[in-house]
């Protein structure tokens, strides 16, 4: 079901596979990568599996692999907002649920924690996620590797010409990229940008249940919806490069991938003050504001419009983060697990 929808996870999986295939071809490493089809593939045929996301039923894939002795690398995509207090509350609620259902029903928290506990190695996308895994799910940090996502090199070289040619928009605009829903706060941000007479461009789609929200958005002056741009990477890169600023999702948990994509295109970002997202030396490109403070949001936007950070300095923050680097680090993890398993089988 992974590719029945489209968001940052699908892009991350595709880019990881491409980079691993290129690495294997360049170095003759013998690494072979394929997507697991649980209905057609048997897990014991693989030396290891790499599972992306610890939710949406993926814990069953982890369970099955562990039962058959196949090592599991897990990229759990845990929201950085998890902490010791929320983890304690979730475990207490899970215990109550178990008592009420004679332990026949598991909470999503319990399933995620089980996947984390069973994985041979856990890959976090940043320090904030690593902390959340330890504090919220009580997982030893020694089992976690921090490997940030790579960035598409096309973004590093992109300019706004294609976007402006197709849309006819020549002036500055703000950009929000991601699923269109009330959880992302696009409507409040559209209204705040309209008050500044700054156009807002949305990249993303609304699900069936959020169509009314999309219709409300379309009534806001200065709003443009481009859709998901799934199959048009050149247009997506040009949109990022043309934007005066990019606004992170309203829940404060914007994906690390979206953050890096915006910065790779030289686009500064407006993010929530309490957002756990961080990048060394990126303070000049990240404007942090209270997410319910429209006045502060507007002031921050005006500052970025009047004194924008040099785009090449913004790009420099992530210029060294290639998918090839990600592939090399993952390949080292895979080799470590493979050799450990071979040693265990030999003994």
C-alpha atoms as a PDB file:
ATOM      1  CA  UNK A   1       0.000   0.000   0.000  1.00  0.00           C
ATOM      2  CA  UNK A   2       3.001   2.291   0.300  1.00  0.00           C
ATOM      3  CA  UNK A   3       2.619   3.865  -3.127  1.00  0.00           C
ATOM      4  CA  UNK A   4      -1.152   4.235  -3.041  1.00  0.00           C
ATOM      5  CA  UNK A   5      -0.542   7.756  -1.723  1.00  0.00           C
ATOM      6  CA  UNK A   6       2.191  10.281  -2.335  1.00  0.00           C
ATOM      7  CA  UNK A   7       4.170  12.190   0.261  1.00  0.00           C
ATOM      8  CA  UNK A   8       7.703  12.499   1.567  1.00  0.00           C
ATOM      9  CA  UNK A   9       7.964   8.805   2.487  1.00  0.00           C
ATOM     10  CA  UNK A  10       7.526   7.654  -1.102  1.00  0.00           C
ATOM     11  CA  UNK A  11      10.110  10.159  -2.294  1.00  0.00           C
ATOM     12  CA  UNK A  12      12.518   9.046   0.419  1.00  0.00           C
ATOM     13  CA  UNK A  13      12.128   5.372  -0.551  1.00  0.00           C
ATOM     14  CA  UNK A  14      12.589   6.061  -4.256  1.00  0.00           C
ATOM     15  CA  UNK A  15      15.657   8.244  -3.769  1.00  0.00           C
ATOM     16  CA  UNK A  16      17.222   5.739  -1.360  1.00  0.00           C
ATOM     17  CA  UNK A  17      16.742   2.880  -3.829  1.00  0.00           C
ATOM     18  CA  UNK A  18      18.140   4.891  -6.740  1.00  0.00           C
ATOM     19  CA  UNK A  19      21.213   5.889  -4.761  1.00  0.00           C
ATOM     20  CA  UNK A  20      21.847   2.333  -3.551  1.00  0.00           C
ATOM     21  CA  UNK A  21      21.541   0.975  -7.098  1.00  0.00           C
ATOM     22  CA  UNK A  22      23.991   3.611  -8.368  1.00  0.00           C
ATOM     23  CA  UNK A  23      26.382   2.796  -5.536  1.00  0.00           C
ATOM     24  CA  UNK A  24      26.287  -0.900  -6.356  1.00  0.00           C
ATOM     25  CA  UNK A  25      26.885  -0.259 -10.050  1.00  0.00           C
ATOM     26  CA  UNK A  26      29.789   2.116  -9.438  1.00  0.00           C
ATOM     27  CA  UNK A  27      31.656   0.015  -6.942  1.00  0.00           C
ATOM     28  CA  UNK A  28      30.622  -3.485  -7.909  1.00  0.00           C
ATOM     29  CA  UNK A  29      29.561  -3.963  -4.314  1.00  0.00           C
ATOM     30  CA  UNK A  30      27.037  -6.649  -5.105  1.00  0.00           C
ATOM     31  CA  UNK A  31      24.229  -4.808  -3.330  1.00  0.00           C
ATOM     32  CA  UNK A  32      20.899  -5.711  -4.898  1.00  0.00           C
ATOM     33  CA  UNK A  33      17.796  -3.774  -3.881  1.00  0.00           C
ATOM     34  CA  UNK A  34      14.151  -4.475  -4.579  1.00  0.00           C
ATOM     35  CA  UNK A  35      10.798  -3.491  -3.129  1.00  0.00           C
ATOM     36  CA  UNK A  36       9.311  -6.233  -1.002  1.00  0.00           C
ATOM     37  CA  UNK A  37       5.890  -7.424  -2.116  1.00  0.00           C
ATOM     38  CA  UNK A  38       4.548  -9.298   0.939  1.00  0.00           C
ATOM     39  CA  UNK A  39       2.082 -11.146  -1.298  1.00  0.00           C
ATOM     40  CA  UNK A  40       4.666 -12.431  -3.755  1.00  0.00           C
ATOM     41  CA  UNK A  41       7.989 -12.436  -1.882  1.00  0.00           C
ATOM     42  CA  UNK A  42       9.187 -14.597   0.995  1.00  0.00           C
ATOM     43  CA  UNK A  43      11.186 -12.643   3.529  1.00  0.00           C
ATOM     44  CA  UNK A  44      13.680 -15.427   4.154  1.00  0.00           C
ATOM     45  CA  UNK A  45      14.913 -14.916   0.583  1.00  0.00           C
ATOM     46  CA  UNK A  46      16.452 -11.589   1.649  1.00  0.00           C
ATOM     47  CA  UNK A  47      19.632 -10.968   3.624  1.00  0.00           C
ATOM     48  CA  UNK A  48      17.859  -8.113   5.394  1.00  0.00           C
ATOM     49  CA  UNK A  49      14.893  -5.814   4.923  1.00  0.00           C
ATOM     50  CA  UNK A  50      14.632  -2.059   5.386  1.00  0.00           C
ATOM     51  CA  UNK A  51      11.216  -0.884   6.577  1.00  0.00           C
ATOM     52  CA  UNK A  52      10.163   2.757   6.212  1.00  0.00           C
ATOM     53  CA  UNK A  53       7.605   3.952   8.803  1.00  0.00           C
ATOM     54  CA  UNK A  54       6.757   2.086  11.970  1.00  0.00           C
ATOM     55  CA  UNK A  55       3.008   2.671  11.541  1.00  0.00           C
ATOM     56  CA  UNK A  56       0.176   1.697   9.171  1.00  0.00           C
ATOM     57  CA  UNK A  57       0.597  -2.031   9.794  1.00  0.00           C
ATOM     58  CA  UNK A  58       4.316  -2.126   9.041  1.00  0.00           C
ATOM     59  CA  UNK A  59       4.981  -3.665  12.445  1.00  0.00           C
ATOM     60  CA  UNK A  60       3.593  -6.940  11.038  1.00  0.00           C
ATOM     61  CA  UNK A  61       6.333  -6.927   8.399  1.00  0.00           C
ATOM     62  CA  UNK A  62       8.892  -6.422  11.157  1.00  0.00           C
ATOM     63  CA  UNK A  63       7.297  -9.243  13.178  1.00  0.00           C
ATOM     64  CA  UNK A  64       7.403 -11.631  10.221  1.00  0.00           C
ATOM     65  CA  UNK A  65      11.038 -10.856   9.408  1.00  0.00           C
ATOM     66  CA  UNK A  66      12.155 -11.307  13.015  1.00  0.00           C
ATOM     67  CA  UNK A  67      10.289 -14.610  13.275  1.00  0.00           C
ATOM     68  CA  UNK A  68      12.290 -15.844  10.267  1.00  0.00           C
ATOM     69  CA  UNK A  69      15.607 -14.524  11.542  1.00  0.00           C
ATOM     70  CA  UNK A  70      15.926 -11.785   8.924  1.00  0.00           C
ATOM     71  CA  UNK A  71      17.595  -8.592  10.224  1.00  0.00           C
ATOM     72  CA  UNK A  72      15.465  -5.433  10.026  1.00  0.00           C
ATOM     73  CA  UNK A  73      16.643  -1.870   9.475  1.00  0.00           C
ATOM     74  CA  UNK A  74      13.807   0.429  10.514  1.00  0.00           C
ATOM     75  CA  UNK A  75      13.389   4.071   9.533  1.00  0.00           C
ATOM     76  CA  UNK A  76      10.450   4.693  11.882  1.00  0.00           C
ATOM     77  CA  UNK A  77       9.653   8.350  11.028  1.00  0.00           C
ATOM     78  CA  UNK A  78       8.729   9.144  14.636  1.00  0.00           C
ATOM     79  CA  UNK A  79       7.284  12.617  15.211  1.00  0.00           C
ATOM     80  CA  UNK A  80       9.904  14.638  17.107  1.00  0.00           C
ATOM     81  CA  UNK A  81       7.214  15.853  19.518  1.00  0.00           C
ATOM     82  CA  UNK A  82       7.343  12.620  21.534  1.00  0.00           C
ATOM     83  CA  UNK A  83       8.927  13.089  24.969  1.00  0.00           C
ATOM     84  CA  UNK A  84       9.101  11.304  28.309  1.00  0.00           C
ATOM     85  CA  UNK A  85       5.756  12.677  29.520  1.00  0.00           C
ATOM     86  CA  UNK A  86       3.808  11.779  26.372  1.00  0.00           C
ATOM     87  CA  UNK A  87       5.434   8.349  26.280  1.00  0.00           C
ATOM     88  CA  UNK A  88       4.455   7.671  29.896  1.00  0.00           C
ATOM     89  CA  UNK A  89       0.865   8.728  29.152  1.00  0.00           C
ATOM     90  CA  UNK A  90       0.730   6.521  26.064  1.00  0.00           C
ATOM     91  CA  UNK A  91       1.970   3.472  27.954  1.00  0.00           C
ATOM     92  CA  UNK A  92      -0.581   4.063  30.724  1.00  0.00           C
ATOM     93  CA  UNK A  93      -3.371   4.370  28.154  1.00  0.00           C
ATOM     94  CA  UNK A  94      -2.148   1.240  26.382  1.00  0.00           C
ATOM     95  CA  UNK A  95      -2.224  -0.662  29.675  1.00  0.00           C
ATOM     96  CA  UNK A  96      -5.817   0.439  30.310  1.00  0.00           C
ATOM     97  CA  UNK A  97      -6.799  -0.560  26.773  1.00  0.00           C
ATOM     98  CA  UNK A  98      -5.236  -3.969  27.285  1.00  0.00           C
ATOM     99  CA  UNK A  99      -7.161  -4.532  30.525  1.00  0.00           C
ATOM    100  CA  UNK A 100     -10.437  -3.494  28.887  1.00  0.00           C
ATOM    101  CA  UNK A 101     -10.000  -5.796  25.884  1.00  0.00           C
ATOM    102  CA  UNK A 102      -8.241  -8.743  27.551  1.00  0.00           C
ATOM    103  CA  UNK A 103      -5.154  -7.676  25.578  1.00  0.00           C
ATOM    104  CA  UNK A 104      -6.841  -8.467  22.265  1.00  0.00           C
ATOM    105  CA  UNK A 105      -6.446  -4.878  21.013  1.00  0.00           C
ATOM    106  CA  UNK A 106      -3.187  -2.968  20.735  1.00  0.00           C
ATOM    107  CA  UNK A 107      -2.798   0.786  20.470  1.00  0.00           C
ATOM    108  CA  UNK A 108      -0.805   2.392  17.678  1.00  0.00           C
ATOM    109  CA  UNK A 109       1.783   3.372  20.272  1.00  0.00           C
ATOM    110  CA  UNK A 110       2.227  -0.255  21.363  1.00  0.00           C
ATOM    111  CA  UNK A 111       2.609  -1.435  17.772  1.00  0.00           C
ATOM    112  CA  UNK A 112       5.181   1.254  17.002  1.00  0.00           C
ATOM    113  CA  UNK A 113       7.132   0.496  20.165  1.00  0.00           C
ATOM    114  CA  UNK A 114       7.154  -3.222  19.352  1.00  0.00           C
ATOM    115  CA  UNK A 115       8.552  -2.498  15.894  1.00  0.00           C
ATOM    116  CA  UNK A 116      11.271  -0.327  17.441  1.00  0.00           C
ATOM    117  CA  UNK A 117      12.125  -2.987  20.007  1.00  0.00           C
ATOM    118  CA  UNK A 118      12.405  -5.743  17.395  1.00  0.00           C
ATOM    119  CA  UNK A 119      14.397  -3.859  14.763  1.00  0.00           C
ATOM    120  CA  UNK A 120      18.063  -4.795  14.432  1.00  0.00           C
ATOM    121  CA  UNK A 121      18.994  -1.189  13.707  1.00  0.00           C
ATOM    122  CA  UNK A 122      16.972   2.051  13.771  1.00  0.00           C
ATOM    123  CA  UNK A 123      17.653   4.978  11.459  1.00  0.00           C
ATOM    124  CA  UNK A 124      16.526   8.427  12.643  1.00  0.00           C
ATOM    125  CA  UNK A 125      16.494  11.401  10.293  1.00  0.00           C
ATOM    126  CA  UNK A 126      17.803  13.838  12.896  1.00  0.00           C
ATOM    127  CA  UNK A 127      18.810  14.382  16.498  1.00  0.00           C
ATOM    128  CA  UNK A 128      15.272  15.445  17.442  1.00  0.00           C
ATOM    129  CA  UNK A 129      13.823  12.160  16.191  1.00  0.00           C
ATOM    130  CA  UNK A 130      16.549  10.177  17.955  1.00  0.00           C
ATOM    131  CA  UNK A 131      15.659  11.935  21.213  1.00  0.00           C
ATOM    132  CA  UNK A 132      11.945  11.246  20.655  1.00  0.00           C
ATOM    133  CA  UNK A 133      12.637   7.545  20.090  1.00  0.00           C
ATOM    134  CA  UNK A 134      14.565   7.326  23.350  1.00  0.00           C
ATOM    135  CA  UNK A 135      12.364   9.536  25.515  1.00  0.00           C
ATOM    136  CA  UNK A 136       8.964   8.569  24.139  1.00  0.00           C
ATOM    137  CA  UNK A 137       9.519   4.861  23.420  1.00  0.00           C
ATOM    138  CA  UNK A 138      12.368   3.979  25.831  1.00  0.00           C
ATOM    139  CA  UNK A 139      14.709   2.728  23.103  1.00  0.00           C
ATOM    140  CA  UNK A 140      18.462   2.672  23.819  1.00  0.00           C
ATOM    141  CA  UNK A 141      20.194   5.385  21.785  1.00  0.00           C
ATOM    142  CA  UNK A 142      23.027   2.967  20.937  1.00  0.00           C
ATOM    143  CA  UNK A 143      20.614   1.143  18.621  1.00  0.00           C
ATOM    144  CA  UNK A 144      19.853   4.332  16.682  1.00  0.00           C
ATOM    145  CA  UNK A 145      21.878   5.845  13.826  1.00  0.00           C
ATOM    146  CA  UNK A 146      21.201   9.424  12.743  1.00  0.00           C
ATOM    147  CA  UNK A 147      21.281   9.646   8.938  1.00  0.00           C
ATOM    148  CA  UNK A 148      19.607  12.794   7.549  1.00  0.00           C
ATOM    149  CA  UNK A 149      17.928  12.592   4.161  1.00  0.00           C
ATOM    150  CA  UNK A 150      19.755  13.681   1.062  1.00  0.00           C
ATOM    151  CA  UNK A 151      18.661  16.457  -1.267  1.00  0.00           C
ATOM    152  CA  UNK A 152      17.904  16.328  -4.961  1.00  0.00           C
ATOM    153  CA  UNK A 153      20.812  17.957  -6.832  1.00  0.00           C
ATOM    154  CA  UNK A 154      18.287  19.491  -9.229  1.00  0.00           C
ATOM    155  CA  UNK A 155      17.122  21.716  -6.374  1.00  0.00           C
ATOM    156  CA  UNK A 156      20.640  23.055  -5.821  1.00  0.00           C
ATOM    157  CA  UNK A 157      20.770  24.276  -9.409  1.00  0.00           C
ATOM    158  CA  UNK A 158      17.104  25.232  -9.850  1.00  0.00           C
ATOM    159  CA  UNK A 159      15.858  28.683 -10.768  1.00  0.00           C
ATOM    160  CA  UNK A 160      12.346  30.106 -10.944  1.00  0.00           C
ATOM    161  CA  UNK A 161      12.151  30.560 -14.709  1.00  0.00           C
ATOM    162  CA  UNK A 162       9.966  27.497 -15.425  1.00  0.00           C
ATOM    163  CA  UNK A 163       7.559  28.371 -12.605  1.00  0.00           C
ATOM    164  CA  UNK A 164       7.163  31.958 -13.767  1.00  0.00           C
ATOM    165  CA  UNK A 165       6.757  30.925 -17.394  1.00  0.00           C
ATOM    166  CA  UNK A 166       3.967  28.469 -16.614  1.00  0.00           C
ATOM    167  CA  UNK A 167       2.112  30.512 -14.002  1.00  0.00           C
ATOM    168  CA  UNK A 168       2.764  34.080 -15.101  1.00  0.00           C
ATOM    169  CA  UNK A 169       3.571  35.005 -11.474  1.00  0.00           C
ATOM    170  CA  UNK A 170       6.442  37.467 -11.540  1.00  0.00           C
ATOM    171  CA  UNK A 171       6.464  38.897  -8.017  1.00  0.00           C
ATOM    172  CA  UNK A 172       7.342  37.370  -4.639  1.00  0.00           C
ATOM    173  CA  UNK A 173       5.143  34.690  -3.107  1.00  0.00           C
ATOM    174  CA  UNK A 174       5.083  32.319  -0.133  1.00  0.00           C
ATOM    175  CA  UNK A 175       4.992  28.549  -0.628  1.00  0.00           C
ATOM    176  CA  UNK A 176       3.486  25.717   1.402  1.00  0.00           C
ATOM    177  CA  UNK A 177       4.164  22.148   0.279  1.00  0.00           C
ATOM    178  CA  UNK A 178       2.417  19.104   1.706  1.00  0.00           C
ATOM    179  CA  UNK A 179      -1.006  17.474   2.075  1.00  0.00           C
ATOM    180  CA  UNK A 180      -3.814  20.024   2.207  1.00  0.00           C
ATOM    181  CA  UNK A 181      -5.716  19.584   5.467  1.00  0.00           C
ATOM    182  CA  UNK A 182      -6.742  21.516   8.601  1.00  0.00           C
ATOM    183  CA  UNK A 183      -3.788  19.920  10.416  1.00  0.00           C
ATOM    184  CA  UNK A 184      -1.397  21.799   8.144  1.00  0.00           C
ATOM    185  CA  UNK A 185      -2.988  25.193   8.886  1.00  0.00           C
ATOM    186  CA  UNK A 186      -2.979  26.359   5.260  1.00  0.00           C
ATOM    187  CA  UNK A 187      -6.196  28.377   5.679  1.00  0.00           C
ATOM    188  CA  UNK A 188      -4.879  30.523   8.540  1.00  0.00           C
ATOM    189  CA  UNK A 189      -1.613  31.089   6.698  1.00  0.00           C
ATOM    190  CA  UNK A 190      -3.454  31.981   3.476  1.00  0.00           C
ATOM    191  CA  UNK A 191      -5.468  34.586   5.368  1.00  0.00           C
ATOM    192  CA  UNK A 192      -2.328  35.968   7.024  1.00  0.00           C
ATOM    193  CA  UNK A 193      -0.570  36.248   3.652  1.00  0.00           C
ATOM    194  CA  UNK A 194      -3.652  37.851   2.071  1.00  0.00           C
ATOM    195  CA  UNK A 195      -3.522  40.549   4.752  1.00  0.00           C
ATOM    196  CA  UNK A 196       0.009  41.322   3.526  1.00  0.00           C
ATOM    197  CA  UNK A 197      -1.087  41.139  -0.138  1.00  0.00           C
ATOM    198  CA  UNK A 198       1.490  38.366  -0.561  1.00  0.00           C
ATOM    199  CA  UNK A 199       0.342  35.534  -2.858  1.00  0.00           C
ATOM    200  CA  UNK A 200       0.447  32.026  -1.388  1.00  0.00           C
ATOM    201  CA  UNK A 201       1.129  28.975  -3.572  1.00  0.00           C
ATOM    202  CA  UNK A 202       0.125  25.512  -2.356  1.00  0.00           C
ATOM    203  CA  UNK A 203       1.736  22.317  -3.628  1.00  0.00           C
ATOM    204  CA  UNK A 204      -0.199  19.242  -2.522  1.00  0.00           C
ATOM    205  CA  UNK A 205      -3.559  17.544  -2.650  1.00  0.00           C
ATOM    206  CA  UNK A 206      -6.547  17.347  -0.332  1.00  0.00           C
ATOM    207  CA  UNK A 207      -8.043  13.992   0.613  1.00  0.00           C
ATOM    208  CA  UNK A 208     -11.719  13.238   0.158  1.00  0.00           C
ATOM    209  CA  UNK A 209     -12.603  14.276   3.700  1.00  0.00           C
ATOM    210  CA  UNK A 210     -10.797  17.621   3.297  1.00  0.00           C
ATOM    211  CA  UNK A 211     -12.546  18.821   0.136  1.00  0.00           C
ATOM    212  CA  UNK A 212     -14.618  21.363   2.085  1.00  0.00           C
ATOM    213  CA  UNK A 213     -11.384  22.716   3.555  1.00  0.00           C
ATOM    214  CA  UNK A 214      -9.932  23.028   0.057  1.00  0.00           C
ATOM    215  CA  UNK A 215     -13.026  24.902  -1.130  1.00  0.00           C
ATOM    216  CA  UNK A 216     -12.662  27.319   1.790  1.00  0.00           C
ATOM    217  CA  UNK A 217      -9.019  27.841   0.849  1.00  0.00           C
ATOM    218  CA  UNK A 218      -9.895  28.679  -2.729  1.00  0.00           C
ATOM    219  CA  UNK A 219     -12.004  31.635  -1.566  1.00  0.00           C
ATOM    220  CA  UNK A 220      -8.936  33.402  -0.108  1.00  0.00           C
ATOM    221  CA  UNK A 221      -7.549  36.192  -2.235  1.00  0.00           C
ATOM    222  CA  UNK A 222      -4.134  35.552  -3.754  1.00  0.00           C
ATOM    223  CA  UNK A 223      -4.135  31.763  -3.358  1.00  0.00           C
ATOM    224  CA  UNK A 224      -2.855  29.417  -6.100  1.00  0.00           C
ATOM    225  CA  UNK A 225      -3.134  25.602  -5.874  1.00  0.00           C
ATOM    226  CA  UNK A 226      -0.725  23.726  -8.136  1.00  0.00           C
ATOM    227  CA  UNK A 227      -1.668  20.192  -7.095  1.00  0.00           C
ATOM    228  CA  UNK A 228       0.830  17.532  -6.094  1.00  0.00           C
ATOM    229  CA  UNK A 229       3.321  17.934  -9.008  1.00  0.00           C
ATOM    230  CA  UNK A 230       4.071  14.225  -8.584  1.00  0.00           C
ATOM    231  CA  UNK A 231       5.416  13.649 -12.048  1.00  0.00           C
ATOM    232  CA  UNK A 232       6.940  17.084 -12.648  1.00  0.00           C
ATOM    233  CA  UNK A 233      10.123  17.322 -10.601  1.00  0.00           C
ATOM    234  CA  UNK A 234      11.446  20.187 -12.731  1.00  0.00           C
ATOM    235  CA  UNK A 235       8.373  22.303 -11.964  1.00  0.00           C
ATOM    236  CA  UNK A 236       8.541  21.441  -8.268  1.00  0.00           C
ATOM    237  CA  UNK A 237      12.206  22.455  -8.082  1.00  0.00           C
ATOM    238  CA  UNK A 238      11.491  25.677  -9.960  1.00  0.00           C
ATOM    239  CA  UNK A 239       8.586  26.460  -7.619  1.00  0.00           C
ATOM    240  CA  UNK A 240      10.850  26.147  -4.577  1.00  0.00           C
ATOM    241  CA  UNK A 241      13.501  28.290  -6.279  1.00  0.00           C
ATOM    242  CA  UNK A 242      11.005  30.997  -7.245  1.00  0.00           C
ATOM    243  CA  UNK A 243       9.447  31.300  -3.774  1.00  0.00           C
ATOM    244  CA  UNK A 244      10.443  34.165  -1.505  1.00  0.00           C
ATOM    245  CA  UNK A 245       9.911  31.915   1.493  1.00  0.00           C
ATOM    246  CA  UNK A 246       8.540  28.502   2.360  1.00  0.00           C
ATOM    247  CA  UNK A 247       6.121  27.916   5.245  1.00  0.00           C
ATOM    248  CA  UNK A 248       6.437  24.686   7.205  1.00  0.00           C
ATOM    249  CA  UNK A 249       3.279  22.698   8.103  1.00  0.00           C
ATOM    250  CA  UNK A 250       1.192  24.243  10.838  1.00  0.00           C
ATOM    251  CA  UNK A 251       1.516  21.354  13.281  1.00  0.00           C
ATOM    252  CA  UNK A 252       5.175  22.214  13.812  1.00  0.00           C
ATOM    253  CA  UNK A 253       6.261  18.716  12.744  1.00  0.00           C
ATOM    254  CA  UNK A 254       7.243  19.542   9.170  1.00  0.00           C
ATOM    255  CA  UNK A 255       9.233  16.747   7.628  1.00  0.00           C
ATOM    256  CA  UNK A 256      13.004  16.984   7.566  1.00  0.00           C
ATOM    257  CA  UNK A 257      12.853  16.183   3.851  1.00  0.00           C
ATOM    258  CA  UNK A 258      10.636  19.204   3.076  1.00  0.00           C
ATOM    259  CA  UNK A 259      12.911  21.426   5.146  1.00  0.00           C
ATOM    260  CA  UNK A 260      15.989  20.325   3.253  1.00  0.00           C
ATOM    261  CA  UNK A 261      14.271  20.645  -0.128  1.00  0.00           C
ATOM    262  CA  UNK A 262      13.370  24.268   0.548  1.00  0.00           C
ATOM    263  CA  UNK A 263      16.866  25.114   1.770  1.00  0.00           C
ATOM    264  CA  UNK A 264      18.448  23.318  -1.197  1.00  0.00           C
ATOM    265  CA  UNK A 265      16.542  25.663  -3.498  1.00  0.00           C
ATOM    266  CA  UNK A 266      17.796  28.644  -1.502  1.00  0.00           C
ATOM    267  CA  UNK A 267      14.409  29.303   0.046  1.00  0.00           C
ATOM    268  CA  UNK A 268      14.260  30.512   3.691  1.00  0.00           C
ATOM    269  CA  UNK A 269      11.555  29.040   5.922  1.00  0.00           C
ATOM    270  CA  UNK A 270       8.939  30.140   8.402  1.00  0.00           C
ATOM    271  CA  UNK A 271       8.555  27.447  11.087  1.00  0.00           C
ATOM    272  CA  UNK A 272       6.863  27.130  14.467  1.00  0.00           C
ATOM    273  CA  UNK A 273       8.802  28.439  17.446  1.00  0.00           C
ATOM    274  CA  UNK A 274       8.472  25.102  19.259  1.00  0.00           C
ATOM    275  CA  UNK A 275       9.353  23.035  16.211  1.00  0.00           C
ATOM    276  CA  UNK A 276      12.039  20.438  17.030  1.00  0.00           C
ATOM    277  CA  UNK A 277      13.540  20.834  13.580  1.00  0.00           C
ATOM    278  CA  UNK A 278      17.079  22.130  13.707  1.00  0.00           C
ATOM    279  CA  UNK A 279      20.098  22.442  11.461  1.00  0.00           C
ATOM    280  CA  UNK A 280      23.464  23.732  12.593  1.00  0.00           C
ATOM    281  CA  UNK A 281      24.103  27.293  11.478  1.00  0.00           C
ATOM    282  CA  UNK A 282      20.677  27.665   9.846  1.00  0.00           C
ATOM    283  CA  UNK A 283      19.287  30.366  12.137  1.00  0.00           C
ATOM    284  CA  UNK A 284      19.595  33.058   9.472  1.00  0.00           C
ATOM    285  CA  UNK A 285      17.390  30.994   7.115  1.00  0.00           C
ATOM    286  CA  UNK A 286      14.772  29.775   9.623  1.00  0.00           C
ATOM    287  CA  UNK A 287      12.336  32.326  11.064  1.00  0.00           C
ATOM    288  CA  UNK A 288      10.715  30.838  14.184  1.00  0.00           C
ATOM    289  CA  UNK A 289       7.344  32.215  15.297  1.00  0.00           C
ATOM    290  CA  UNK A 290       4.438  31.211  17.496  1.00  0.00           C
ATOM    291  CA  UNK A 291       2.075  29.294  15.275  1.00  0.00           C
ATOM    292  CA  UNK A 292      -1.047  30.973  16.640  1.00  0.00           C
ATOM    293  CA  UNK A 293       0.445  34.463  16.477  1.00  0.00           C
ATOM    294  CA  UNK A 294      -0.543  35.899  13.114  1.00  0.00           C
ATOM    295  CA  UNK A 295       1.039  39.276  13.928  1.00  0.00           C
ATOM    296  CA  UNK A 296       4.404  37.626  14.586  1.00  0.00           C
ATOM    297  CA  UNK A 297       4.046  35.560  11.427  1.00  0.00           C
ATOM    298  CA  UNK A 298       3.420  38.651   9.348  1.00  0.00           C
ATOM    299  CA  UNK A 299       6.355  40.511  10.899  1.00  0.00           C
ATOM    300  CA  UNK A 300       8.661  37.555  10.203  1.00  0.00           C
ATOM    301  CA  UNK A 301       7.472  37.354   6.605  1.00  0.00           C
ATOM    302  CA  UNK A 302       8.052  41.067   6.089  1.00  0.00           C
ATOM    303  CA  UNK A 303      11.584  40.733   7.478  1.00  0.00           C
ATOM    304  CA  UNK A 304      12.351  37.951   5.009  1.00  0.00           C
ATOM    305  CA  UNK A 305      10.907  39.948   2.133  1.00  0.00           C
ATOM    306  CA  UNK A 306      12.809  43.133   3.009  1.00  0.00           C
ATOM    307  CA  UNK A 307      16.103  41.451   3.938  1.00  0.00           C
ATOM    308  CA  UNK A 308      16.166  38.013   2.301  1.00  0.00           C
ATOM    309  CA  UNK A 309      19.186  35.829   3.110  1.00  0.00           C
ATOM    310  CA  UNK A 310      21.457  35.227   0.088  1.00  0.00           C
ATOM    311  CA  UNK A 311      20.131  32.152  -1.694  1.00  0.00           C
ATOM    312  CA  UNK A 312      23.574  30.623  -2.166  1.00  0.00           C
ATOM    313  CA  UNK A 313      24.240  30.886   1.564  1.00  0.00           C
ATOM    314  CA  UNK A 314      20.939  29.115   2.226  1.00  0.00           C
ATOM    315  CA  UNK A 315      21.802  26.393  -0.271  1.00  0.00           C
ATOM    316  CA  UNK A 316      25.214  25.940   1.317  1.00  0.00           C
ATOM    317  CA  UNK A 317      23.517  24.640   4.474  1.00  0.00           C
ATOM    318  CA  UNK A 318      22.597  21.373   2.722  1.00  0.00           C
ATOM    319  CA  UNK A 319      24.859  21.331  -0.339  1.00  0.00           C
ATOM    320  CA  UNK A 320      26.892  18.428   1.018  1.00  0.00           C
ATOM    321  CA  UNK A 321      23.840  16.293   1.799  1.00  0.00           C
ATOM    322  CA  UNK A 322      23.619  14.013  -1.218  1.00  0.00           C
ATOM    323  CA  UNK A 323      21.623  10.809  -1.574  1.00  0.00           C
ATOM    324  CA  UNK A 324      24.935   9.151  -2.462  1.00  0.00           C
ATOM    325  CA  UNK A 325      26.132   9.956   1.053  1.00  0.00           C
ATOM    326  CA  UNK A 326      22.944   8.426   2.441  1.00  0.00           C
ATOM    327  CA  UNK A 327      23.497   5.302   0.341  1.00  0.00           C
ATOM    328  CA  UNK A 328      27.091   4.864   1.527  1.00  0.00           C
ATOM    329  CA  UNK A 329      26.084   5.172   5.174  1.00  0.00           C
ATOM    330  CA  UNK A 330      23.171   2.766   4.755  1.00  0.00           C
ATOM    331  CA  UNK A 331      25.357   0.295   2.882  1.00  0.00           C
ATOM    332  CA  UNK A 332      27.756   0.308   5.835  1.00  0.00           C
ATOM    333  CA  UNK A 333      24.849  -0.445   8.180  1.00  0.00           C
ATOM    334  CA  UNK A 334      23.616  -3.233   5.915  1.00  0.00           C
ATOM    335  CA  UNK A 335      27.098  -4.761   5.733  1.00  0.00           C
ATOM    336  CA  UNK A 336      27.421  -4.679   9.508  1.00  0.00           C
ATOM    337  CA  UNK A 337      24.128  -6.526   9.995  1.00  0.00           C
ATOM    338  CA  UNK A 338      24.845  -8.986   7.178  1.00  0.00           C
ATOM    339  CA  UNK A 339      28.248  -9.922   8.578  1.00  0.00           C
ATOM    340  CA  UNK A 340      26.820 -10.291  12.086  1.00  0.00           C
ATOM    341  CA  UNK A 341      24.132 -12.618  10.791  1.00  0.00           C
ATOM    342  CA  UNK A 342      26.613 -14.676   8.785  1.00  0.00           C
ATOM    343  CA  UNK A 343      28.798 -14.997  11.856  1.00  0.00           C
ATOM    344  CA  UNK A 344      25.830 -16.122  13.954  1.00  0.00           C
ATOM    345  CA  UNK A 345      24.798 -18.697  11.329  1.00  0.00           C
ATOM    346  CA  UNK A 346      28.379 -20.015  11.112  1.00  0.00           C
ATOM    347  CA  UNK A 347      28.575 -20.516  14.850  1.00  0.00           C
END
